């Protein structure tokens, strides 16, 4: 009986040391795989880095290397110009690993990825809008971040793009003689993107639209109100000319 008992104790000790050794080897291999991912990332071997970081996450999401692997997996996609996949991986970090030191940087990279995916103004602007929303959320949560100045420049650029899209929409409607729709486009742009660099073009577009629609008095009021800025940007004469043409047409109709 004593022999049987001692045999069980011996087997138990072997099992303990075996498990301990396996855990040690597991941790070392996990660290090696993470280091391999970092090395591949630095060398520009982005696909292999993605494989390495995914392996770390599959085996050790809850380990000390979990959030590191998750962030650098996103970075591997980002550096490989796979921005939507990068967003997916960065968002896994921000949602599941809020404790991580990489959260702020990951959220900034999400903003930047949406900005990069933002197309020319004449395309759909879904990603432009998302970028602006994410930038605003970031500034609300990290008002003293080192990225604030970069974000302000990006926001200005994206808002100019949205303003340009509305401006071109107004011009198109005006050419189609859909003056009510043109006025809506110009007014929306003026009210929403009042701080953009094309605000003066928007006022000129609205003045010309009103003139073509024979709303000459309204057009003249806007012209006088913004006369200095329109003259500064060489937009005054075009706006004034449209009013004169509108007056002539209105006079002929009244006769």
C-alpha atoms as a PDB file:
ATOM      1  CA  UNK A   1       0.000   0.000   0.000  1.00  0.00           C
ATOM      2  CA  UNK A   2       2.850   2.320   0.918  1.00  0.00           C
ATOM      3  CA  UNK A   3       4.593   1.490  -2.361  1.00  0.00           C
ATOM      4  CA  UNK A   4       1.399   2.324  -4.267  1.00  0.00           C
ATOM      5  CA  UNK A   5       1.047   5.586  -2.344  1.00  0.00           C
ATOM      6  CA  UNK A   6       4.650   6.593  -3.012  1.00  0.00           C
ATOM      7  CA  UNK A   7       4.204   5.782  -6.694  1.00  0.00           C
ATOM      8  CA  UNK A   8       1.230   8.119  -6.916  1.00  0.00           C
ATOM      9  CA  UNK A   9       3.171  10.889  -5.202  1.00  0.00           C
ATOM     10  CA  UNK A  10       6.067  10.404  -7.622  1.00  0.00           C
ATOM     11  CA  UNK A  11       3.753  10.572 -10.641  1.00  0.00           C
ATOM     12  CA  UNK A  12       2.142  13.711  -9.221  1.00  0.00           C
ATOM     13  CA  UNK A  13       5.522  15.420  -8.858  1.00  0.00           C
ATOM     14  CA  UNK A  14       6.471  14.450 -12.412  1.00  0.00           C
ATOM     15  CA  UNK A  15       3.207  15.943 -13.652  1.00  0.00           C
ATOM     16  CA  UNK A  16       3.813  19.209 -11.783  1.00  0.00           C
ATOM     17  CA  UNK A  17       7.346  19.648 -13.121  1.00  0.00           C
ATOM     18  CA  UNK A  18       6.251  18.625 -16.590  1.00  0.00           C
ATOM     19  CA  UNK A  19       3.498  21.254 -16.630  1.00  0.00           C
ATOM     20  CA  UNK A  20       5.879  23.841 -15.234  1.00  0.00           C
ATOM     21  CA  UNK A  21       8.427  23.090 -17.931  1.00  0.00           C
ATOM     22  CA  UNK A  22       5.793  23.199 -20.667  1.00  0.00           C
ATOM     23  CA  UNK A  23       4.565  26.593 -19.464  1.00  0.00           C
ATOM     24  CA  UNK A  24       8.120  27.917 -19.494  1.00  0.00           C
ATOM     25  CA  UNK A  25       8.710  26.641 -23.021  1.00  0.00           C
ATOM     26  CA  UNK A  26       5.324  28.060 -24.076  1.00  0.00           C
ATOM     27  CA  UNK A  27       6.214  31.512 -22.758  1.00  0.00           C
ATOM     28  CA  UNK A  28       9.609  31.467 -24.425  1.00  0.00           C
ATOM     29  CA  UNK A  29       8.188  30.398 -27.784  1.00  0.00           C
ATOM     30  CA  UNK A  30       5.495  33.061 -27.489  1.00  0.00           C
ATOM     31  CA  UNK A  31       8.141  35.723 -26.854  1.00  0.00           C
ATOM     32  CA  UNK A  32      10.238  34.398 -29.721  1.00  0.00           C
ATOM     33  CA  UNK A  33       7.250  34.553 -32.049  1.00  0.00           C
ATOM     34  CA  UNK A  34       6.503  38.128 -30.972  1.00  0.00           C
ATOM     35  CA  UNK A  35      10.140  39.125 -31.509  1.00  0.00           C
ATOM     36  CA  UNK A  36       9.983  37.500 -34.946  1.00  0.00           C
ATOM     37  CA  UNK A  37       6.909  39.610 -35.732  1.00  0.00           C
ATOM     38  CA  UNK A  38       8.677  42.798 -34.665  1.00  0.00           C
ATOM     39  CA  UNK A  39      11.720  41.887 -36.732  1.00  0.00           C
ATOM     40  CA  UNK A  40       9.602  41.192 -39.808  1.00  0.00           C
ATOM     41  CA  UNK A  41       7.702  44.440 -39.285  1.00  0.00           C
ATOM     42  CA  UNK A  42      10.927  46.446 -39.158  1.00  0.00           C
ATOM     43  CA  UNK A  43      12.202  44.688 -42.299  1.00  0.00           C
ATOM     44  CA  UNK A  44       9.008  45.457 -44.214  1.00  0.00           C
ATOM     45  CA  UNK A  45       7.932  41.800 -44.305  1.00  0.00           C
ATOM     46  CA  UNK A  46       4.393  42.778 -43.383  1.00  0.00           C
ATOM     47  CA  UNK A  47       2.584  39.583 -44.313  1.00  0.00           C
ATOM     48  CA  UNK A  48       4.945  37.429 -42.269  1.00  0.00           C
ATOM     49  CA  UNK A  49       4.638  39.903 -39.381  1.00  0.00           C
ATOM     50  CA  UNK A  50       0.859  39.503 -39.549  1.00  0.00           C
ATOM     51  CA  UNK A  51       1.278  35.724 -39.358  1.00  0.00           C
ATOM     52  CA  UNK A  52       3.594  36.029 -36.354  1.00  0.00           C
ATOM     53  CA  UNK A  53       1.362  38.414 -34.396  1.00  0.00           C
ATOM     54  CA  UNK A  54      -1.730  36.356 -35.170  1.00  0.00           C
ATOM     55  CA  UNK A  55       0.063  33.302 -33.809  1.00  0.00           C
ATOM     56  CA  UNK A  56       0.849  35.166 -30.592  1.00  0.00           C
ATOM     57  CA  UNK A  57      -2.787  36.214 -30.263  1.00  0.00           C
ATOM     58  CA  UNK A  58      -4.116  32.724 -30.939  1.00  0.00           C
ATOM     59  CA  UNK A  59      -1.959  31.275 -28.185  1.00  0.00           C
ATOM     60  CA  UNK A  60      -1.570  34.147 -25.784  1.00  0.00           C
ATOM     61  CA  UNK A  61      -4.246  36.836 -26.029  1.00  0.00           C
ATOM     62  CA  UNK A  62      -4.409  37.010 -22.244  1.00  0.00           C
ATOM     63  CA  UNK A  63      -0.667  37.056 -21.782  1.00  0.00           C
ATOM     64  CA  UNK A  64       1.540  40.068 -21.176  1.00  0.00           C
ATOM     65  CA  UNK A  65       2.230  40.192 -24.896  1.00  0.00           C
ATOM     66  CA  UNK A  66      -1.448  40.144 -25.880  1.00  0.00           C
ATOM     67  CA  UNK A  67      -2.034  43.869 -26.278  1.00  0.00           C
ATOM     68  CA  UNK A  68       1.410  44.372 -27.829  1.00  0.00           C
ATOM     69  CA  UNK A  69       0.675  41.735 -30.447  1.00  0.00           C
ATOM     70  CA  UNK A  70      -2.771  43.178 -31.111  1.00  0.00           C
ATOM     71  CA  UNK A  71      -1.427  46.686 -31.657  1.00  0.00           C
ATOM     72  CA  UNK A  72       1.450  45.634 -33.887  1.00  0.00           C
ATOM     73  CA  UNK A  73      -0.843  43.364 -35.890  1.00  0.00           C
ATOM     74  CA  UNK A  74      -2.827  46.487 -36.716  1.00  0.00           C
ATOM     75  CA  UNK A  75       0.431  48.276 -37.481  1.00  0.00           C
ATOM     76  CA  UNK A  76       1.500  45.480 -39.851  1.00  0.00           C
ATOM     77  CA  UNK A  77      -1.719  45.942 -41.823  1.00  0.00           C
ATOM     78  CA  UNK A  78      -1.357  49.724 -41.683  1.00  0.00           C
ATOM     79  CA  UNK A  79       2.217  49.688 -42.976  1.00  0.00           C
ATOM     80  CA  UNK A  80       1.124  47.348 -45.782  1.00  0.00           C
ATOM     81  CA  UNK A  81      -1.519  49.892 -46.882  1.00  0.00           C
ATOM     82  CA  UNK A  82      -4.344  47.565 -45.791  1.00  0.00           C
ATOM     83  CA  UNK A  83      -6.066  50.342 -43.913  1.00  0.00           C
ATOM     84  CA  UNK A  84      -9.523  48.858 -43.390  1.00  0.00           C
ATOM     85  CA  UNK A  85      -7.988  45.661 -41.989  1.00  0.00           C
ATOM     86  CA  UNK A  86      -5.765  47.829 -39.798  1.00  0.00           C
ATOM     87  CA  UNK A  87      -8.841  49.611 -38.449  1.00  0.00           C
ATOM     88  CA  UNK A  88     -10.410  46.257 -37.581  1.00  0.00           C
ATOM     89  CA  UNK A  89      -7.359  45.159 -35.609  1.00  0.00           C
ATOM     90  CA  UNK A  90      -6.846  48.499 -33.863  1.00  0.00           C
ATOM     91  CA  UNK A  91     -10.512  48.485 -32.830  1.00  0.00           C
ATOM     92  CA  UNK A  92     -10.101  45.027 -31.285  1.00  0.00           C
ATOM     93  CA  UNK A  93      -7.434  46.576 -29.069  1.00  0.00           C
ATOM     94  CA  UNK A  94      -9.486  49.628 -28.079  1.00  0.00           C
ATOM     95  CA  UNK A  95     -12.615  47.587 -27.345  1.00  0.00           C
ATOM     96  CA  UNK A  96     -11.154  44.536 -25.646  1.00  0.00           C
ATOM     97  CA  UNK A  97      -7.956  45.855 -24.084  1.00  0.00           C
ATOM     98  CA  UNK A  98      -8.846  49.270 -22.710  1.00  0.00           C
ATOM     99  CA  UNK A  99      -6.054  48.921 -20.148  1.00  0.00           C
ATOM    100  CA  UNK A 100      -3.371  48.888 -22.832  1.00  0.00           C
ATOM    101  CA  UNK A 101      -0.789  51.639 -23.170  1.00  0.00           C
ATOM    102  CA  UNK A 102      -1.382  51.456 -26.938  1.00  0.00           C
ATOM    103  CA  UNK A 103      -5.026  52.566 -26.889  1.00  0.00           C
ATOM    104  CA  UNK A 104      -4.377  56.252 -27.579  1.00  0.00           C
ATOM    105  CA  UNK A 105      -1.982  55.475 -30.416  1.00  0.00           C
ATOM    106  CA  UNK A 106      -4.367  52.878 -31.864  1.00  0.00           C
ATOM    107  CA  UNK A 107      -7.251  55.333 -31.849  1.00  0.00           C
ATOM    108  CA  UNK A 108      -5.117  57.914 -33.626  1.00  0.00           C
ATOM    109  CA  UNK A 109      -4.148  55.338 -36.239  1.00  0.00           C
ATOM    110  CA  UNK A 110      -7.836  54.532 -36.785  1.00  0.00           C
ATOM    111  CA  UNK A 111      -8.460  58.211 -37.538  1.00  0.00           C
ATOM    112  CA  UNK A 112      -5.495  58.336 -39.885  1.00  0.00           C
ATOM    113  CA  UNK A 113      -6.569  55.169 -41.691  1.00  0.00           C
ATOM    114  CA  UNK A 114     -10.031  56.577 -42.381  1.00  0.00           C
ATOM    115  CA  UNK A 115      -8.428  59.799 -43.609  1.00  0.00           C
ATOM    116  CA  UNK A 116      -6.195  57.877 -46.018  1.00  0.00           C
ATOM    117  CA  UNK A 117      -9.223  55.941 -47.289  1.00  0.00           C
ATOM    118  CA  UNK A 118     -11.061  59.228 -47.864  1.00  0.00           C
ATOM    119  CA  UNK A 119     -11.330  59.642 -51.671  1.00  0.00           C
ATOM    120  CA  UNK A 120     -11.439  62.692 -53.948  1.00  0.00           C
ATOM    121  CA  UNK A 121     -14.409  64.982 -53.368  1.00  0.00           C
ATOM    122  CA  UNK A 122     -16.374  63.665 -56.353  1.00  0.00           C
ATOM    123  CA  UNK A 123     -16.598  60.171 -54.828  1.00  0.00           C
ATOM    124  CA  UNK A 124     -18.714  58.947 -51.926  1.00  0.00           C
ATOM    125  CA  UNK A 125     -17.498  60.592 -48.716  1.00  0.00           C
ATOM    126  CA  UNK A 126     -18.385  57.891 -46.164  1.00  0.00           C
ATOM    127  CA  UNK A 127     -14.807  57.516 -44.965  1.00  0.00           C
ATOM    128  CA  UNK A 128     -14.293  61.284 -44.853  1.00  0.00           C
ATOM    129  CA  UNK A 129     -17.246  61.605 -42.493  1.00  0.00           C
ATOM    130  CA  UNK A 130     -16.011  58.679 -40.380  1.00  0.00           C
ATOM    131  CA  UNK A 131     -12.547  60.205 -40.155  1.00  0.00           C
ATOM    132  CA  UNK A 132     -13.983  63.509 -38.941  1.00  0.00           C
ATOM    133  CA  UNK A 133     -16.153  61.733 -36.366  1.00  0.00           C
ATOM    134  CA  UNK A 134     -13.214  59.728 -35.054  1.00  0.00           C
ATOM    135  CA  UNK A 135     -10.940  62.765 -34.930  1.00  0.00           C
ATOM    136  CA  UNK A 136     -13.541  64.654 -32.906  1.00  0.00           C
ATOM    137  CA  UNK A 137     -13.999  61.743 -30.491  1.00  0.00           C
ATOM    138  CA  UNK A 138     -10.232  61.509 -30.096  1.00  0.00           C
ATOM    139  CA  UNK A 139      -9.883  65.211 -29.265  1.00  0.00           C
ATOM    140  CA  UNK A 140     -12.718  64.946 -26.738  1.00  0.00           C
ATOM    141  CA  UNK A 141     -10.990  62.046 -24.966  1.00  0.00           C
ATOM    142  CA  UNK A 142      -7.386  63.208 -25.357  1.00  0.00           C
ATOM    143  CA  UNK A 143      -7.428  67.033 -25.415  1.00  0.00           C
ATOM    144  CA  UNK A 144      -3.742  67.215 -24.470  1.00  0.00           C
ATOM    145  CA  UNK A 145      -2.506  64.545 -26.861  1.00  0.00           C
ATOM    146  CA  UNK A 146       0.708  65.038 -28.807  1.00  0.00           C
ATOM    147  CA  UNK A 147      -1.332  64.417 -31.964  1.00  0.00           C
ATOM    148  CA  UNK A 148      -3.713  67.378 -31.596  1.00  0.00           C
ATOM    149  CA  UNK A 149      -1.877  69.702 -33.999  1.00  0.00           C
ATOM    150  CA  UNK A 150      -1.750  67.023 -36.693  1.00  0.00           C
ATOM    151  CA  UNK A 151      -5.434  66.309 -36.145  1.00  0.00           C
ATOM    152  CA  UNK A 152      -6.405  69.958 -36.562  1.00  0.00           C
ATOM    153  CA  UNK A 153      -4.631  70.076 -39.931  1.00  0.00           C
ATOM    154  CA  UNK A 154      -6.369  66.879 -41.026  1.00  0.00           C
ATOM    155  CA  UNK A 155      -9.787  68.129 -39.942  1.00  0.00           C
ATOM    156  CA  UNK A 156      -9.330  71.319 -41.939  1.00  0.00           C
ATOM    157  CA  UNK A 157      -8.342  69.315 -45.011  1.00  0.00           C
ATOM    158  CA  UNK A 158     -11.330  66.975 -44.722  1.00  0.00           C
ATOM    159  CA  UNK A 159     -13.815  69.769 -44.118  1.00  0.00           C
ATOM    160  CA  UNK A 160     -12.517  71.587 -47.197  1.00  0.00           C
ATOM    161  CA  UNK A 161     -13.130  68.419 -49.192  1.00  0.00           C
ATOM    162  CA  UNK A 162     -16.748  68.139 -48.018  1.00  0.00           C
ATOM    163  CA  UNK A 163     -17.299  71.837 -48.717  1.00  0.00           C
ATOM    164  CA  UNK A 164     -15.883  71.409 -52.215  1.00  0.00           C
ATOM    165  CA  UNK A 165     -18.259  68.521 -52.855  1.00  0.00           C
ATOM    166  CA  UNK A 166     -21.272  70.640 -51.906  1.00  0.00           C
ATOM    167  CA  UNK A 167     -19.949  73.559 -53.947  1.00  0.00           C
ATOM    168  CA  UNK A 168     -19.595  71.401 -57.038  1.00  0.00           C
ATOM    169  CA  UNK A 169     -23.066  69.979 -56.393  1.00  0.00           C
ATOM    170  CA  UNK A 170     -24.442  73.515 -56.334  1.00  0.00           C
ATOM    171  CA  UNK A 171     -22.641  74.368 -59.579  1.00  0.00           C
ATOM    172  CA  UNK A 172     -24.063  71.257 -61.241  1.00  0.00           C
ATOM    173  CA  UNK A 173     -27.610  72.094 -60.186  1.00  0.00           C
ATOM    174  CA  UNK A 174     -27.117  75.652 -61.396  1.00  0.00           C
ATOM    175  CA  UNK A 175     -26.005  74.440 -64.833  1.00  0.00           C
ATOM    176  CA  UNK A 176     -29.086  72.227 -64.948  1.00  0.00           C
ATOM    177  CA  UNK A 177     -31.170  75.311 -64.065  1.00  0.00           C
ATOM    178  CA  UNK A 178     -32.330  73.555 -60.884  1.00  0.00           C
ATOM    179  CA  UNK A 179     -31.931  76.763 -58.904  1.00  0.00           C
ATOM    180  CA  UNK A 180     -33.811  75.738 -55.765  1.00  0.00           C
ATOM    181  CA  UNK A 181     -31.610  72.650 -55.399  1.00  0.00           C
ATOM    182  CA  UNK A 182     -28.523  74.763 -56.068  1.00  0.00           C
ATOM    183  CA  UNK A 183     -29.516  77.205 -53.332  1.00  0.00           C
ATOM    184  CA  UNK A 184     -29.975  74.347 -50.883  1.00  0.00           C
ATOM    185  CA  UNK A 185     -26.485  73.000 -51.682  1.00  0.00           C
ATOM    186  CA  UNK A 186     -24.780  76.396 -51.366  1.00  0.00           C
ATOM    187  CA  UNK A 187     -26.640  77.332 -48.169  1.00  0.00           C
ATOM    188  CA  UNK A 188     -25.891  73.989 -46.550  1.00  0.00           C
ATOM    189  CA  UNK A 189     -22.209  74.388 -47.377  1.00  0.00           C
ATOM    190  CA  UNK A 190     -22.140  77.970 -46.081  1.00  0.00           C
ATOM    191  CA  UNK A 191     -23.854  77.045 -42.810  1.00  0.00           C
ATOM    192  CA  UNK A 192     -21.806  73.900 -42.197  1.00  0.00           C
ATOM    193  CA  UNK A 193     -18.388  74.786 -43.614  1.00  0.00           C
ATOM    194  CA  UNK A 194     -18.238  78.487 -42.801  1.00  0.00           C
ATOM    195  CA  UNK A 195     -14.603  78.166 -41.679  1.00  0.00           C
ATOM    196  CA  UNK A 196     -13.230  76.547 -44.833  1.00  0.00           C
ATOM    197  CA  UNK A 197     -11.021  78.115 -47.456  1.00  0.00           C
ATOM    198  CA  UNK A 198     -13.716  78.036 -50.167  1.00  0.00           C
ATOM    199  CA  UNK A 199     -16.362  79.960 -48.217  1.00  0.00           C
ATOM    200  CA  UNK A 200     -15.945  82.930 -50.597  1.00  0.00           C
ATOM    201  CA  UNK A 201     -16.599  80.722 -53.627  1.00  0.00           C
ATOM    202  CA  UNK A 202     -19.732  79.477 -51.904  1.00  0.00           C
ATOM    203  CA  UNK A 203     -21.039  83.022 -51.447  1.00  0.00           C
ATOM    204  CA  UNK A 204     -20.310  83.793 -55.085  1.00  0.00           C
ATOM    205  CA  UNK A 205     -22.092  80.608 -56.168  1.00  0.00           C
ATOM    206  CA  UNK A 206     -25.141  81.517 -54.111  1.00  0.00           C
ATOM    207  CA  UNK A 207     -25.196  85.074 -55.532  1.00  0.00           C
ATOM    208  CA  UNK A 208     -25.015  83.796 -59.107  1.00  0.00           C
ATOM    209  CA  UNK A 209     -27.738  81.218 -58.423  1.00  0.00           C
ATOM    210  CA  UNK A 210     -30.054  83.819 -56.925  1.00  0.00           C
ATOM    211  CA  UNK A 211     -29.393  86.140 -59.864  1.00  0.00           C
ATOM    212  CA  UNK A 212     -30.177  83.425 -62.397  1.00  0.00           C
ATOM    213  CA  UNK A 213     -33.379  82.699 -60.473  1.00  0.00           C
ATOM    214  CA  UNK A 214     -34.172  86.424 -60.716  1.00  0.00           C
ATOM    215  CA  UNK A 215     -33.931  86.893 -56.930  1.00  0.00           C
ATOM    216  CA  UNK A 216     -31.833  89.948 -57.582  1.00  0.00           C
ATOM    217  CA  UNK A 217     -32.469  91.814 -54.334  1.00  0.00           C
ATOM    218  CA  UNK A 218     -31.361  88.856 -52.214  1.00  0.00           C
ATOM    219  CA  UNK A 219     -28.308  88.415 -54.402  1.00  0.00           C
ATOM    220  CA  UNK A 220     -27.379  92.087 -54.042  1.00  0.00           C
ATOM    221  CA  UNK A 221     -27.750  91.950 -50.234  1.00  0.00           C
ATOM    222  CA  UNK A 222     -25.280  89.072 -50.038  1.00  0.00           C
ATOM    223  CA  UNK A 223     -22.941  90.830 -52.456  1.00  0.00           C
ATOM    224  CA  UNK A 224     -22.813  93.991 -50.336  1.00  0.00           C
ATOM    225  CA  UNK A 225     -22.412  92.042 -47.111  1.00  0.00           C
ATOM    226  CA  UNK A 226     -19.396  90.117 -48.394  1.00  0.00           C
ATOM    227  CA  UNK A 227     -18.010  92.708 -50.800  1.00  0.00           C
ATOM    228  CA  UNK A 228     -14.549  93.041 -49.142  1.00  0.00           C
ATOM    229  CA  UNK A 229     -13.800  89.306 -49.113  1.00  0.00           C
ATOM    230  CA  UNK A 230     -15.201  88.767 -52.615  1.00  0.00           C
ATOM    231  CA  UNK A 231     -12.969  91.541 -53.934  1.00  0.00           C
ATOM    232  CA  UNK A 232      -9.978  90.157 -52.071  1.00  0.00           C
ATOM    233  CA  UNK A 233     -10.346  86.795 -53.809  1.00  0.00           C
ATOM    234  CA  UNK A 234     -11.260  88.265 -57.226  1.00  0.00           C
ATOM    235  CA  UNK A 235     -14.812  86.941 -57.061  1.00  0.00           C
ATOM    236  CA  UNK A 236     -16.665  90.237 -56.851  1.00  0.00           C
ATOM    237  CA  UNK A 237     -16.852  91.145 -60.536  1.00  0.00           C
ATOM    238  CA  UNK A 238     -18.291  87.757 -61.510  1.00  0.00           C
ATOM    239  CA  UNK A 239     -20.956  88.018 -58.825  1.00  0.00           C
ATOM    240  CA  UNK A 240     -21.805  91.630 -59.762  1.00  0.00           C
ATOM    241  CA  UNK A 241     -22.028  90.722 -63.439  1.00  0.00           C
ATOM    242  CA  UNK A 242     -24.561  87.972 -62.688  1.00  0.00           C
ATOM    243  CA  UNK A 243     -26.710  90.462 -60.774  1.00  0.00           C
ATOM    244  CA  UNK A 244     -26.681  92.894 -63.698  1.00  0.00           C
ATOM    245  CA  UNK A 245     -27.736  90.127 -66.078  1.00  0.00           C
ATOM    246  CA  UNK A 246     -30.480  89.119 -63.674  1.00  0.00           C
ATOM    247  CA  UNK A 247     -31.708  92.719 -63.443  1.00  0.00           C
ATOM    248  CA  UNK A 248     -31.875  93.005 -67.223  1.00  0.00           C
ATOM    249  CA  UNK A 249     -33.886  89.798 -67.539  1.00  0.00           C
ATOM    250  CA  UNK A 250     -36.174  90.851 -64.727  1.00  0.00           C
ATOM    251  CA  UNK A 251     -36.721  94.236 -66.397  1.00  0.00           C
ATOM    252  CA  UNK A 252     -37.623  92.634 -69.697  1.00  0.00           C
ATOM    253  CA  UNK A 253     -40.090  90.278 -68.023  1.00  0.00           C
ATOM    254  CA  UNK A 254     -41.785  93.159 -66.211  1.00  0.00           C
ATOM    255  CA  UNK A 255     -42.251  94.982 -69.513  1.00  0.00           C
END
